[in-house]
């Protein structure tokens, strides 16, 4: 394994980070010619069977796949960085935007219990990620873990869900920021959005501010892990201060009569809200994908999660 790492370090030390080749998009020989493609079509069912039944291995994920990278990842993160990456991934638009909505529609004051139920579920997931990341500290995260334990097909489904989670989470982030900016200017969260009457209701509000927010956020993320971690730390501290402010002001102006009835919609409403507010916890699993960039993953990843 040490020799493999040395080989990776020797690969193109001066090559640019932003490089790609035809092989990156068409890695299979089936794309070399029409005859190769026809031959590959005849192997669909045997290869599908292989994908359903085959399993990856620790050594393949840790050694062989790393050889595909021209530039090895820089181990620059510590447990401190991972704690704030977890915090920044979890605490954000979800907590600020859907808590009131679910308290009003489903749980009432029992939204506290909804968050406790979702938090316990997220904690169990964090324990699983901690164990797997300690054994297989690679950038693939749950995709790599499932390739080893359950095979390529289940890993593919998990990877699709991870992409969906990231897309939905990013959309919610951009949308929430747009609403915040609009509320600062005017008491209308849709003030900065563009209405298109020819589109269906619910899909007829274009949100250029949300697009700009996501472009800026992704630009920062692409600039480097260390710089992103520092900026995330600052943003997380700001979010923590906002939450503390809300708690203090809430206690000062709270009225006990608002806590009754505590279960306006019963246990069903509590669990319905729990299913929705779980979105507020999504993102902590992204820390598992930072294993290759962590100095001591066996120690730092569990602390961060």
Protein backbone atom coordinates (compact mmCIF):
# COMPACT_ATOMS: atom_id res chain seq x y z
CA UNK A 1 0.00 0.00 0.00
CA UNK A 2 2.92 2.33 0.75
CA UNK A 3 4.43 1.65 -2.65
CA UNK A 4 1.09 2.43 -4.29
CA UNK A 5 0.92 5.76 -2.50
CA UNK A 6 4.45 6.58 -3.61
CA UNK A 7 3.51 5.77 -7.17
CA UNK A 8 0.56 8.14 -6.99
CA UNK A 9 2.73 10.92 -5.60
CA UNK A 10 5.14 10.51 -8.54
CA UNK A 11 2.43 10.93 -11.16
CA UNK A 12 2.63 14.22 -13.00
CA UNK A 13 3.61 16.47 -10.06
CA UNK A 14 3.30 19.59 -12.21
CA UNK A 15 0.11 18.66 -14.02
CA UNK A 16 -2.87 20.96 -13.76
CA UNK A 17 -5.73 20.16 -11.41
CA UNK A 18 -8.27 20.92 -14.15
CA UNK A 19 -7.47 18.18 -16.64
CA UNK A 20 -9.60 15.62 -18.37
CA UNK A 21 -9.21 13.04 -21.12
CA UNK A 22 -11.53 11.12 -23.42
CA UNK A 23 -10.94 8.09 -21.18
CA UNK A 24 -12.59 9.94 -18.28
CA UNK A 25 -15.89 10.13 -20.20
CA UNK A 26 -15.64 6.91 -22.25
CA UNK A 27 -13.52 4.53 -20.15
CA UNK A 28 -14.83 1.30 -21.69
CA UNK A 29 -13.37 -0.22 -24.86
CA UNK A 30 -16.95 -0.63 -26.12
CA UNK A 31 -16.83 2.99 -27.30
CA UNK A 32 -13.73 2.53 -29.47
CA UNK A 33 -15.60 1.38 -32.58
CA UNK A 34 -18.99 0.23 -33.80
CA UNK A 35 -17.97 -3.43 -33.74
CA UNK A 36 -16.76 -3.07 -30.16
CA UNK A 37 -20.08 -1.47 -29.27
CA UNK A 38 -22.06 -4.35 -30.83
CA UNK A 39 -19.91 -6.81 -28.92
CA UNK A 40 -20.57 -4.94 -25.71
CA UNK A 41 -24.34 -5.09 -26.32
CA UNK A 42 -24.15 -8.88 -26.40
CA UNK A 43 -22.61 -8.80 -22.92
CA UNK A 44 -25.42 -6.78 -21.32
CA UNK A 45 -26.99 -9.60 -19.30
CA UNK A 46 -23.72 -11.21 -18.09
CA UNK A 47 -22.42 -7.80 -17.04
CA UNK A 48 -25.72 -6.91 -15.37
CA UNK A 49 -25.50 -10.18 -13.43
CA UNK A 50 -21.95 -9.28 -12.45
CA UNK A 51 -23.09 -5.85 -11.21
CA UNK A 52 -25.84 -7.44 -9.14
CA UNK A 53 -23.67 -10.11 -7.54
CA UNK A 54 -20.12 -8.73 -7.48
CA UNK A 55 -18.58 -7.02 -4.47
CA UNK A 56 -15.73 -4.56 -4.19
CA UNK A 57 -12.99 -4.91 -1.56
CA UNK A 58 -11.16 -2.71 0.92
CA UNK A 59 -7.91 -2.99 -1.00
CA UNK A 60 -9.56 -2.10 -4.33
CA UNK A 61 -11.18 1.03 -2.87
CA UNK A 62 -8.07 2.08 -0.94
CA UNK A 63 -5.39 1.30 -3.53
CA UNK A 64 -6.59 0.58 -7.06
CA UNK A 65 -9.14 3.37 -7.39
CA UNK A 66 -6.69 5.95 -6.04
CA UNK A 67 -4.39 5.16 -8.95
CA UNK A 68 -7.03 6.65 -11.28
CA UNK A 69 -6.42 10.11 -9.79
CA UNK A 70 -3.71 12.17 -11.45
CA UNK A 71 -3.48 14.48 -8.43
CA UNK A 72 -3.71 12.88 -4.97
CA UNK A 73 -5.89 14.67 -2.44
CA UNK A 74 -4.11 16.90 0.05
CA UNK A 75 -4.59 15.75 3.64
CA UNK A 76 -5.32 19.14 5.17
CA UNK A 77 -8.35 18.64 7.43
CA UNK A 78 -8.45 17.99 11.18
CA UNK A 79 -11.23 17.06 13.60
CA UNK A 80 -11.85 20.77 14.18
CA UNK A 81 -12.51 21.33 10.47
CA UNK A 82 -14.79 18.30 10.29
CA UNK A 83 -16.87 19.41 13.29
CA UNK A 84 -17.64 22.70 11.58
CA UNK A 85 -18.17 21.01 8.22
CA UNK A 86 -20.76 18.80 9.92
CA UNK A 87 -22.32 21.79 11.63
CA UNK A 88 -22.33 23.82 8.44
CA UNK A 89 -23.88 20.94 6.49
CA UNK A 90 -26.67 20.38 9.00
CA UNK A 91 -27.49 23.76 10.54
CA UNK A 92 -28.82 26.12 7.91
CA UNK A 93 -31.83 26.80 5.75
CA UNK A 94 -33.63 23.62 6.80
CA UNK A 95 -33.88 24.55 10.46
CA UNK A 96 -34.75 28.16 9.73
CA UNK A 97 -37.31 27.55 7.00
CA UNK A 98 -39.28 24.40 7.83
CA UNK A 99 -39.52 24.46 11.65
CA UNK A 100 -42.35 26.98 11.71
CA UNK A 101 -44.04 25.34 8.73
CA UNK A 102 -44.16 21.91 10.38
CA UNK A 103 -45.11 23.33 13.77
CA UNK A 104 -48.08 25.04 12.11
CA UNK A 105 -49.17 22.19 9.81
CA UNK A 106 -48.45 19.00 11.75
CA UNK A 107 -46.77 19.00 15.15
CA UNK A 108 -47.58 22.22 17.00
CA UNK A 109 -45.39 22.72 20.11
CA UNK A 110 -44.52 19.00 19.88
CA UNK A 111 -42.14 19.95 17.06
CA UNK A 112 -39.52 19.52 19.80
CA UNK A 113 -40.27 15.80 19.86
CA UNK A 114 -40.20 15.66 16.05
CA UNK A 115 -36.67 17.03 16.07
CA UNK A 116 -35.68 14.61 18.84
CA UNK A 117 -36.96 11.63 16.83
CA UNK A 118 -35.21 12.77 13.65
CA UNK A 119 -32.05 13.57 15.58
CA UNK A 120 -31.95 10.08 17.12
CA UNK A 121 -32.35 8.53 13.68
CA UNK A 122 -29.54 10.73 12.32
CA UNK A 123 -27.36 9.74 15.28
CA UNK A 124 -27.73 6.04 14.44
CA UNK A 125 -26.71 6.81 10.86
CA UNK A 126 -23.71 8.75 12.14
CA UNK A 127 -22.58 5.70 14.14
CA UNK A 128 -22.71 3.60 10.96
CA UNK A 129 -20.73 6.18 8.98
CA UNK A 130 -18.18 6.39 11.77
CA UNK A 131 -17.48 2.65 11.70
CA UNK A 132 -17.30 2.39 7.91
CA UNK A 133 -15.14 5.49 7.51
CA UNK A 134 -12.68 4.16 10.07
CA UNK A 135 -12.30 0.94 8.08
CA UNK A 136 -12.39 2.45 4.55
CA UNK A 137 -11.21 6.09 4.62
CA UNK A 138 -11.92 6.99 0.99
CA UNK A 139 -13.67 9.84 -0.79
CA UNK A 140 -16.50 7.62 -2.03
CA UNK A 141 -18.37 7.73 1.27
CA UNK A 142 -21.46 5.55 1.50
CA UNK A 143 -21.13 4.64 -2.20
CA UNK A 144 -17.82 2.90 -1.51
CA UNK A 145 -19.09 1.32 1.70
CA UNK A 146 -22.08 -0.21 -0.09
CA UNK A 147 -19.97 -1.45 -3.00
CA UNK A 148 -18.02 -3.51 -0.50
CA UNK A 149 -20.94 -4.74 1.59
CA UNK A 150 -23.87 -5.08 -0.84
CA UNK A 151 -22.47 -4.71 -4.36
CA UNK A 152 -22.48 -2.27 -7.26
CA UNK A 153 -26.24 -2.21 -7.89
CA UNK A 154 -27.19 -1.13 -4.36
CA UNK A 155 -24.27 1.33 -4.36
CA UNK A 156 -25.60 2.84 -7.60
CA UNK A 157 -29.03 3.39 -6.01
CA UNK A 158 -27.37 4.96 -2.95
CA UNK A 159 -25.25 7.24 -5.15
CA UNK A 160 -28.38 8.38 -6.98
CA UNK A 161 -30.02 9.21 -3.65
CA UNK A 162 -26.91 11.11 -2.54
CA UNK A 163 -26.99 13.20 -5.72
CA UNK A 164 -30.72 13.84 -5.22
CA UNK A 165 -30.07 14.87 -1.61
CA UNK A 166 -27.34 17.27 -2.69
CA UNK A 167 -29.49 18.80 -5.45
CA UNK A 168 -32.56 19.23 -3.25
CA UNK A 169 -30.46 20.56 -0.38
CA UNK A 170 -28.70 23.06 -2.64
CA UNK A 171 -32.01 24.17 -4.15
CA UNK A 172 -33.43 24.71 -0.67
CA UNK A 173 -30.33 26.66 0.33
CA UNK A 174 -30.52 28.98 -2.68
CA UNK A 175 -34.27 29.44 -2.34
CA UNK A 176 -34.01 30.25 1.37
CA UNK A 177 -31.25 32.81 0.84
CA UNK A 178 -33.34 34.46 -1.86
CA UNK A 179 -36.28 34.67 0.54
CA UNK A 180 -34.05 36.17 3.26
CA UNK A 181 -32.75 38.88 0.93
CA UNK A 182 -36.27 39.69 -0.32
CA UNK A 183 -37.61 39.91 3.26
CA UNK A 184 -34.89 42.43 4.14
CA UNK A 185 -36.07 44.71 1.34
CA UNK A 186 -39.81 44.15 1.52
CA UNK A 187 -42.19 42.00 3.52
CA UNK A 188 -42.58 39.59 0.61
CA UNK A 189 -40.39 36.51 0.20
CA UNK A 190 -41.15 36.39 -3.55
CA UNK A 191 -40.23 40.03 -4.14
CA UNK A 192 -36.98 39.22 -6.00
CA UNK A 193 -38.41 36.37 -8.06
CA UNK A 194 -39.63 36.65 -11.63
CA UNK A 195 -43.16 35.43 -12.32
CA UNK A 196 -43.74 33.67 -15.65
CA UNK A 197 -47.47 33.31 -16.30
CA UNK A 198 -47.01 30.73 -19.07
CA UNK A 199 -45.57 28.21 -16.57
CA UNK A 200 -47.69 26.01 -14.30
CA UNK A 201 -48.57 27.34 -10.86
CA UNK A 202 -45.86 26.41 -8.37
CA UNK A 203 -43.22 26.35 -11.11
CA UNK A 204 -43.73 29.87 -12.42
CA UNK A 205 -41.32 31.78 -10.15
CA UNK A 206 -37.81 32.09 -11.57
CA UNK A 207 -35.22 32.78 -8.89
CA UNK A 208 -32.05 34.46 -10.26
CA UNK A 209 -30.80 35.34 -6.74
CA UNK A 210 -30.84 31.64 -5.80
CA UNK A 211 -28.79 30.85 -8.91
CA UNK A 212 -26.24 33.53 -8.04
CA UNK A 213 -25.97 32.24 -4.45
CA UNK A 214 -25.31 28.69 -5.66
CA UNK A 215 -22.75 29.84 -8.24
CA UNK A 216 -20.85 31.76 -5.58
CA UNK A 217 -21.02 28.88 -3.08
CA UNK A 218 -19.85 26.32 -5.65
CA UNK A 219 -17.11 28.65 -6.85
CA UNK A 220 -15.76 28.88 -3.32
CA UNK A 221 -16.01 25.10 -2.88
CA UNK A 222 -14.07 24.52 -6.11
CA UNK A 223 -11.30 26.91 -5.05
CA UNK A 224 -9.89 24.47 -2.50
CA UNK A 225 -10.82 22.35 0.50
CA UNK A 226 -8.82 24.32 3.05
CA UNK A 227 -10.23 27.69 1.96
CA UNK A 228 -13.75 26.25 1.88
CA UNK A 229 -13.30 24.86 5.40
CA UNK A 230 -12.24 28.26 6.74
CA UNK A 231 -15.17 30.08 5.14
CA UNK A 232 -17.54 27.38 6.33
CA UNK A 233 -16.18 27.85 9.86
CA UNK A 234 -17.00 31.57 9.73
CA UNK A 235 -20.48 30.96 8.32
CA UNK A 236 -21.17 28.26 10.94
CA UNK A 237 -20.16 30.54 13.79
CA UNK A 238 -22.54 33.17 12.41
CA UNK A 239 -25.36 30.59 12.21
CA UNK A 240 -24.66 29.50 15.80
CA UNK A 241 -24.87 33.11 16.98
CA UNK A 242 -28.19 33.57 15.17
CA UNK A 243 -29.58 30.43 16.83
CA UNK A 244 -28.43 31.59 20.27
CA UNK A 245 -30.04 34.97 19.60
CA UNK A 246 -33.34 33.31 18.60
CA UNK A 247 -33.29 31.12 21.73
CA UNK A 248 -32.65 34.07 24.05
CA UNK A 249 -35.25 36.32 22.44
CA UNK A 250 -37.71 33.41 22.30
CA UNK A 251 -37.40 32.77 26.04
CA UNK A 252 -37.76 36.45 26.87
CA UNK A 253 -40.94 36.87 24.84
CA UNK A 254 -42.36 33.36 25.23
CA UNK A 255 -45.89 32.70 26.53
CA UNK A 256 -46.69 29.39 28.20
CA UNK A 257 -50.25 29.43 26.87
CA UNK A 258 -48.81 28.89 23.37
CA UNK A 259 -47.67 25.42 24.46
CA UNK A 260 -51.24 24.15 24.82
CA UNK A 261 -52.45 22.00 23.26
CA UNK A 262 -49.02 20.38 23.07
CA UNK A 263 -50.20 17.67 20.63
CA UNK A 264 -52.76 19.45 18.43
CA UNK A 265 -52.48 16.78 15.72
CA UNK A 266 -51.60 13.81 17.93
CA UNK A 267 -48.73 11.35 17.55
CA UNK A 268 -49.39 11.12 13.80
CA UNK A 269 -48.60 14.82 13.39
CA UNK A 270 -45.39 14.47 15.41
CA UNK A 271 -44.07 11.67 13.18
CA UNK A 272 -45.22 13.42 10.00
CA UNK A 273 -43.21 16.46 11.05
CA UNK A 274 -40.27 14.25 12.05
CA UNK A 275 -40.14 12.86 8.50
CA UNK A 276 -39.94 16.39 7.11
CA UNK A 277 -37.59 18.01 9.63
CA UNK A 278 -35.11 15.18 9.06
CA UNK A 279 -34.11 17.31 6.08
CA UNK A 280 -32.56 19.66 8.63
CA UNK A 281 -30.07 16.91 9.52
CA UNK A 282 -29.12 15.92 5.99
CA UNK A 283 -25.57 16.75 5.03
CA UNK A 284 -23.63 15.24 7.91
CA UNK A 285 -22.97 12.17 5.75
CA UNK A 286 -20.93 14.41 3.43
CA UNK A 287 -18.23 14.43 6.12
CA UNK A 288 -17.57 10.76 5.34
CA UNK A 289 -16.45 11.77 1.85
CA UNK A 290 -13.71 13.93 3.39
CA UNK A 291 -11.81 10.89 4.67
CA UNK A 292 -9.08 11.07 2.00
CA UNK A 293 -8.45 14.72 2.85
CA UNK A 294 -8.27 14.16 6.61
CA UNK A 295 -4.95 13.89 8.42
CA UNK A 296 -6.05 11.16 10.85
CA UNK A 297 -9.37 9.78 9.55
CA UNK A 298 -9.67 7.02 12.18
CA UNK A 299 -9.70 9.68 14.89
CA UNK A 300 -10.96 12.83 13.19
CA UNK A 301 -13.97 11.46 11.23
CA UNK A 302 -15.73 9.99 14.33
CA UNK A 303 -15.17 13.24 16.25
CA UNK A 304 -16.49 15.29 13.35
CA UNK A 305 -19.57 13.14 12.86
